[in-house]
Amino acid sequence: MSKNTAKSIVSKYKGVQGIISGSGNTYWSARICGTVKRGYKTEREAAKAVDIILIKNGREPVNILVSK
């Protein structure tokens, strides 16, 4: 039986969480409004995905994107 050696990283962006896997790879996930998208290579990509989810739900972006 193997141990789960993944570690969580706190992000500076809202709704973004990082995971360092047991093999040392870092992955970022976007989690907001009951939606989870995983597997982003950078923290910035995950933050942009959070903003896109918010826009699709009719809300204002909070991280990178700016409303007109």
N, C-alpha and C. Protein backbone atom coordinates (compact mmCIF):
# COMPACT_ATOMS: atom_id res chain seq x y z
N MET A 1 0.84 -1.17 0.00
CA MET A 1 0.00 0.00 0.00
C MET A 1 0.89 1.24 0.00
N SER A 2 0.64 2.17 -0.89
CA SER A 2 1.47 3.37 -0.98
C SER A 2 0.82 4.53 -0.25
N LYS A 3 1.66 5.43 0.22
CA LYS A 3 1.17 6.62 0.91
C LYS A 3 0.89 7.72 -0.11
N ASN A 4 -0.06 8.58 0.21
CA ASN A 4 -0.34 9.74 -0.61
C ASN A 4 0.63 10.84 -0.18
N THR A 5 1.58 11.18 -1.02
CA THR A 5 2.59 12.17 -0.66
C THR A 5 2.35 13.51 -1.30
N ALA A 6 1.15 13.73 -1.85
CA ALA A 6 0.83 15.00 -2.48
C ALA A 6 0.70 16.09 -1.42
N LYS A 7 1.19 17.29 -1.76
CA LYS A 7 1.11 18.42 -0.85
C LYS A 7 0.35 19.55 -1.51
N SER A 8 -0.39 20.29 -0.72
CA SER A 8 -1.20 21.39 -1.21
C SER A 8 -0.42 22.70 -1.15
N ILE A 9 -0.67 23.59 -2.12
CA ILE A 9 -0.03 24.91 -2.17
C ILE A 9 -1.13 25.96 -2.14
N VAL A 10 -0.95 26.97 -1.30
CA VAL A 10 -1.90 28.09 -1.25
C VAL A 10 -1.53 29.08 -2.35
N SER A 11 -2.54 29.54 -3.07
CA SER A 11 -2.32 30.47 -4.18
C SER A 11 -2.64 31.89 -3.76
N LYS A 12 -2.07 32.84 -4.49
CA LYS A 12 -2.40 34.24 -4.25
C LYS A 12 -3.68 34.65 -4.96
N TYR A 13 -4.23 33.77 -5.80
CA TYR A 13 -5.46 34.03 -6.53
C TYR A 13 -6.64 33.33 -5.86
N LYS A 14 -7.83 33.92 -5.97
CA LYS A 14 -9.03 33.33 -5.41
C LYS A 14 -9.46 32.12 -6.24
N GLY A 15 -9.82 31.03 -5.56
CA GLY A 15 -10.34 29.84 -6.22
C GLY A 15 -9.28 28.98 -6.88
N VAL A 16 -8.01 29.22 -6.60
CA VAL A 16 -6.92 28.47 -7.21
C VAL A 16 -6.16 27.72 -6.13
N GLN A 17 -5.86 26.44 -6.41
CA GLN A 17 -5.11 25.62 -5.47
C GLN A 17 -4.06 24.83 -6.23
N GLY A 18 -2.88 24.72 -5.66
CA GLY A 18 -1.80 23.96 -6.27
C GLY A 18 -1.58 22.65 -5.55
N ILE A 19 -1.11 21.65 -6.29
CA ILE A 19 -0.80 20.34 -5.74
C ILE A 19 0.59 19.93 -6.23
N ILE A 20 1.45 19.56 -5.30
CA ILE A 20 2.74 18.98 -5.66
C ILE A 20 2.57 17.47 -5.52
N SER A 21 2.68 16.76 -6.62
CA SER A 21 2.47 15.31 -6.61
C SER A 21 3.67 14.61 -5.97
N GLY A 22 3.52 13.33 -5.73
CA GLY A 22 4.58 12.54 -5.14
C GLY A 22 5.83 12.49 -6.01
N SER A 23 5.66 12.66 -7.32
CA SER A 23 6.80 12.65 -8.23
C SER A 23 7.46 14.02 -8.36
N GLY A 24 6.90 15.03 -7.68
CA GLY A 24 7.50 16.36 -7.70
C GLY A 24 6.91 17.33 -8.71
N ASN A 25 5.94 16.88 -9.49
CA ASN A 25 5.29 17.77 -10.46
C ASN A 25 4.27 18.66 -9.76
N THR A 26 4.14 19.90 -10.23
CA THR A 26 3.17 20.83 -9.67
C THR A 26 2.03 21.03 -10.65
N TYR A 27 0.80 20.86 -10.16
CA TYR A 27 -0.39 21.06 -10.96
C TYR A 27 -1.29 22.05 -10.23
N TRP A 28 -2.06 22.83 -10.99
CA TRP A 28 -2.95 23.84 -10.43
C TRP A 28 -4.37 23.51 -10.80
N SER A 29 -5.32 23.80 -9.90
CA SER A 29 -6.73 23.57 -10.19
C SER A 29 -7.53 24.82 -9.90
N ALA A 30 -8.62 24.99 -10.65
CA ALA A 30 -9.53 26.11 -10.49
C ALA A 30 -10.81 25.56 -9.87
N ARG A 31 -11.22 26.14 -8.75
CA ARG A 31 -12.39 25.63 -8.03
C ARG A 31 -13.24 26.80 -7.56
N ILE A 32 -14.40 26.98 -8.19
CA ILE A 32 -15.31 28.07 -7.81
C ILE A 32 -16.70 27.77 -8.35
N CYS A 33 -17.71 28.25 -7.67
CA CYS A 33 -19.12 28.09 -8.07
C CYS A 33 -19.49 26.62 -8.26
N GLY A 34 -18.94 25.72 -7.46
CA GLY A 34 -19.27 24.30 -7.57
C GLY A 34 -18.64 23.62 -8.77
N THR A 35 -17.73 24.29 -9.46
CA THR A 35 -17.06 23.74 -10.64
C THR A 35 -15.58 23.56 -10.34
N VAL A 36 -15.04 22.43 -10.73
CA VAL A 36 -13.61 22.16 -10.54
C VAL A 36 -12.99 21.82 -11.88
N LYS A 37 -11.92 22.52 -12.23
CA LYS A 37 -11.14 22.22 -13.44
C LYS A 37 -9.72 21.96 -12.97
N ARG A 38 -9.14 20.86 -13.39
CA ARG A 38 -7.82 20.46 -12.91
C ARG A 38 -6.82 20.35 -14.05
N GLY A 39 -5.54 20.33 -13.66
CA GLY A 39 -4.48 20.00 -14.60
C GLY A 39 -3.81 21.17 -15.28
N TYR A 40 -3.93 22.37 -14.73
CA TYR A 40 -3.26 23.52 -15.32
C TYR A 40 -1.79 23.52 -14.93
N LYS A 41 -0.93 23.89 -15.87
CA LYS A 41 0.52 23.88 -15.63
C LYS A 41 0.99 25.08 -14.82
N THR A 42 0.28 26.21 -14.95
CA THR A 42 0.70 27.40 -14.21
C THR A 42 -0.45 27.93 -13.35
N GLU A 43 -0.07 28.65 -12.32
CA GLU A 43 -1.05 29.27 -11.41
C GLU A 43 -1.88 30.31 -12.15
N ARG A 44 -1.24 31.03 -13.07
CA ARG A 44 -1.93 32.07 -13.85
C ARG A 44 -3.01 31.48 -14.75
N GLU A 45 -2.74 30.34 -15.39
CA GLU A 45 -3.74 29.68 -16.23
C GLU A 45 -4.96 29.27 -15.42
N ALA A 46 -4.74 28.75 -14.22
CA ALA A 46 -5.85 28.35 -13.36
C ALA A 46 -6.66 29.57 -12.91
N ALA A 47 -5.98 30.68 -12.61
CA ALA A 47 -6.67 31.91 -12.20
C ALA A 47 -7.53 32.45 -13.34
N LYS A 48 -7.02 32.35 -14.56
CA LYS A 48 -7.79 32.79 -15.72
C LYS A 48 -9.02 31.90 -15.91
N ALA A 49 -8.87 30.60 -15.66
CA ALA A 49 -10.00 29.67 -15.77
C ALA A 49 -11.08 30.00 -14.74
N VAL A 50 -10.68 30.41 -13.53
CA VAL A 50 -11.65 30.82 -12.51
C VAL A 50 -12.45 32.02 -13.02
N ASP A 51 -11.77 32.99 -13.59
CA ASP A 51 -12.46 34.17 -14.12
C ASP A 51 -13.43 33.80 -15.24
N ILE A 52 -13.04 32.90 -16.10
CA ILE A 52 -13.92 32.47 -17.20
C ILE A 52 -15.16 31.77 -16.65
N ILE A 53 -15.00 30.95 -15.63
CA ILE A 53 -16.14 30.28 -15.00
C ILE A 53 -17.09 31.32 -14.41
N LEU A 54 -16.54 32.33 -13.74
CA LEU A 54 -17.37 33.37 -13.15
C LEU A 54 -18.14 34.15 -14.22
N ILE A 55 -17.47 34.48 -15.32
CA ILE A 55 -18.13 35.21 -16.41
C ILE A 55 -19.26 34.38 -17.00
N LYS A 56 -19.04 33.08 -17.19
CA LYS A 56 -20.09 32.21 -17.73
C LYS A 56 -21.29 32.14 -16.80
N ASN A 57 -21.07 32.33 -15.49
CA ASN A 57 -22.15 32.32 -14.52
C ASN A 57 -22.72 33.70 -14.27
N GLY A 58 -22.33 34.70 -15.08
CA GLY A 58 -22.89 36.04 -14.98
C GLY A 58 -22.33 36.88 -13.85
N ARG A 59 -21.13 36.54 -13.35
CA ARG A 59 -20.52 37.29 -12.26
C ARG A 59 -19.27 38.01 -12.75
N GLU A 60 -18.76 38.91 -11.93
CA GLU A 60 -17.56 39.69 -12.28
C GLU A 60 -16.30 38.85 -12.06
N PRO A 61 -15.29 38.96 -12.92
CA PRO A 61 -14.03 38.26 -12.72
C PRO A 61 -13.29 38.82 -11.50
N VAL A 62 -12.52 37.99 -10.80
CA VAL A 62 -11.86 38.41 -9.57
C VAL A 62 -10.34 38.32 -9.62
N ASN A 63 -9.78 37.68 -10.62
CA ASN A 63 -8.34 37.45 -10.62
C ASN A 63 -7.59 38.25 -11.68
N ILE A 64 -7.62 37.81 -12.91
CA ILE A 64 -6.79 38.40 -13.96
C ILE A 64 -7.60 39.19 -14.98
N LEU A 65 -8.69 38.60 -15.44
CA LEU A 65 -9.49 39.26 -16.48
C LEU A 65 -10.21 40.47 -15.91
N VAL A 66 -10.47 41.46 -16.77
CA VAL A 66 -11.13 42.69 -16.36
C VAL A 66 -12.38 42.87 -17.20
N SER A 67 -13.48 43.22 -16.53
CA SER A 67 -14.72 43.45 -17.27
C SER A 67 -14.69 44.83 -17.93
N LYS A 68 -15.37 44.95 -19.06
CA LYS A 68 -15.39 46.23 -19.80
C LYS A 68 -16.50 47.11 -19.30
